[in-house]
Each structure stands twice: as structure tokens, then as C-alpha cells.
Amino acid sequence: MSQDNLIKLKCEVCGNINYYSHKNKKKLREHKLELKKFCKKCRKHTLHKEMKK
């Protein structure tokens, strides 16, 4: 993954950074990415939001 498009996904329940992903920043400037992913610490599917670098 290229470093300039790399984003961190943080669990909203426990605050753990579990995933790294990328997005097209030219198309999605204002929107923060929100995905429902599995958190190993919570041991369930929770909402993960994009956080700053």
C-alpha cells in the first residue's frame, strides 16, 4: 500500500487500532470511512472509523 493513501481504522468501543486500509483521497475528501469490522479485543463486530495519521 502506498503511504500517502494509508489510513488507520480504530474501534469505537475499545479504541484499539486494528486495521490499516487505503482510500482515494481525491474522491473522498470530506468523508471519513466507517466500516463494521471484527475487533479482536472486544471479540465481536464493531464500528471502526478512520482516524488521523
C-alpha atoms as a PDB file:
ATOM      1  CA  MET A   1       0.000   0.000   0.000  1.00  0.00           C
ATOM      2  CA  SER A   2       1.244   3.479  -0.741  1.00  0.00           C
ATOM      3  CA  GLN A   3       1.903   5.543   2.373  1.00  0.00           C
ATOM      4  CA  ASP A   4       0.088   8.689   1.204  1.00  0.00           C
ATOM      5  CA  ASN A   5      -3.283   6.890   0.962  1.00  0.00           C
ATOM      6  CA  LEU A   6      -2.845   4.813   4.124  1.00  0.00           C
ATOM      7  CA  ILE A   7      -5.461   5.248   6.859  1.00  0.00           C
ATOM      8  CA  LYS A   8      -5.945   3.668  10.285  1.00  0.00           C
ATOM      9  CA  LEU A   9      -9.244   2.133  11.381  1.00  0.00           C
ATOM     10  CA  LYS A  10      -9.967   2.486  15.100  1.00  0.00           C
ATOM     11  CA  CYS A  11     -12.572   0.528  17.078  1.00  0.00           C
ATOM     12  CA  GLU A  12     -15.246   2.826  18.505  1.00  0.00           C
ATOM     13  CA  VAL A  13     -15.874   0.606  21.551  1.00  0.00           C
ATOM     14  CA  CYS A  14     -12.377  -0.060  22.929  1.00  0.00           C
ATOM     15  CA  GLY A  15     -10.277   2.448  20.937  1.00  0.00           C
ATOM     16  CA  ASN A  16      -7.908  -0.201  19.553  1.00  0.00           C
ATOM     17  CA  ILE A  17      -6.301   0.361  16.132  1.00  0.00           C
ATOM     18  CA  ASN A  18      -6.978  -2.971  14.433  1.00  0.00           C
ATOM     19  CA  TYR A  19      -6.855  -2.356  10.683  1.00  0.00           C
ATOM     20  CA  TYR A  20      -4.985  -0.343   8.076  1.00  0.00           C
ATOM     21  CA  SER A  21      -6.554   0.421   4.718  1.00  0.00           C
ATOM     22  CA  HIS A  22      -6.374   2.919   1.878  1.00  0.00           C
ATOM     23  CA  LYS A  23      -8.838   5.179   0.099  1.00  0.00           C
ATOM     24  CA  ASN A  24      -8.913   7.516  -2.855  1.00  0.00           C
ATOM     25  CA  LYS A  25      -8.437  10.916  -1.221  1.00  0.00           C
ATOM     26  CA  LYS A  26      -9.280  12.804  -4.414  1.00  0.00           C
ATOM     27  CA  LYS A  27     -12.833  11.427  -4.477  1.00  0.00           C
ATOM     28  CA  LEU A  28     -13.499  11.181  -0.717  1.00  0.00           C
ATOM     29  CA  ARG A  29     -12.053  14.380   0.756  1.00  0.00           C
ATOM     30  CA  GLU A  30     -14.637  15.288   3.386  1.00  0.00           C
ATOM     31  CA  HIS A  31     -15.973  11.851   4.271  1.00  0.00           C
ATOM     32  CA  LYS A  32     -14.460   9.652   6.964  1.00  0.00           C
ATOM     33  CA  LEU A  33     -14.526   5.941   6.267  1.00  0.00           C
ATOM     34  CA  GLU A  34     -16.705   3.827   8.596  1.00  0.00           C
ATOM     35  CA  LEU A  35     -16.723   0.044   8.388  1.00  0.00           C
ATOM     36  CA  LYS A  36     -18.102  -2.708  10.579  1.00  0.00           C
ATOM     37  CA  LYS A  37     -15.115  -4.988  11.261  1.00  0.00           C
ATOM     38  CA  PHE A  38     -14.177  -7.676  13.788  1.00  0.00           C
ATOM     39  CA  CYS A  39     -12.308  -6.418  16.855  1.00  0.00           C
ATOM     40  CA  LYS A  40     -10.021  -8.998  18.479  1.00  0.00           C
ATOM     41  CA  LYS A  41     -10.070  -7.239  21.843  1.00  0.00           C
ATOM     42  CA  CYS A  42     -13.896  -6.895  22.029  1.00  0.00           C
ATOM     43  CA  ARG A  43     -14.348 -10.293  20.305  1.00  0.00           C
ATOM     44  CA  LYS A  44     -17.309  -9.036  18.220  1.00  0.00           C
ATOM     45  CA  HIS A  45     -18.092  -6.960  15.149  1.00  0.00           C
ATOM     46  CA  THR A  46     -17.945  -3.253  15.958  1.00  0.00           C
ATOM     47  CA  LEU A  47     -17.883   0.018  14.060  1.00  0.00           C
ATOM     48  CA  HIS A  48     -14.384   1.068  13.023  1.00  0.00           C
ATOM     49  CA  LYS A  49     -13.823   4.696  11.985  1.00  0.00           C
ATOM     50  CA  GLU A  50     -10.974   6.298  10.130  1.00  0.00           C
ATOM     51  CA  MET A  51      -8.602   8.273  12.308  1.00  0.00           C
ATOM     52  CA  LYS A  52      -5.918  10.836  11.534  1.00  0.00           C
ATOM     53  CA  LYS A  53      -2.361   9.777  10.699  1.00  0.00           C
END
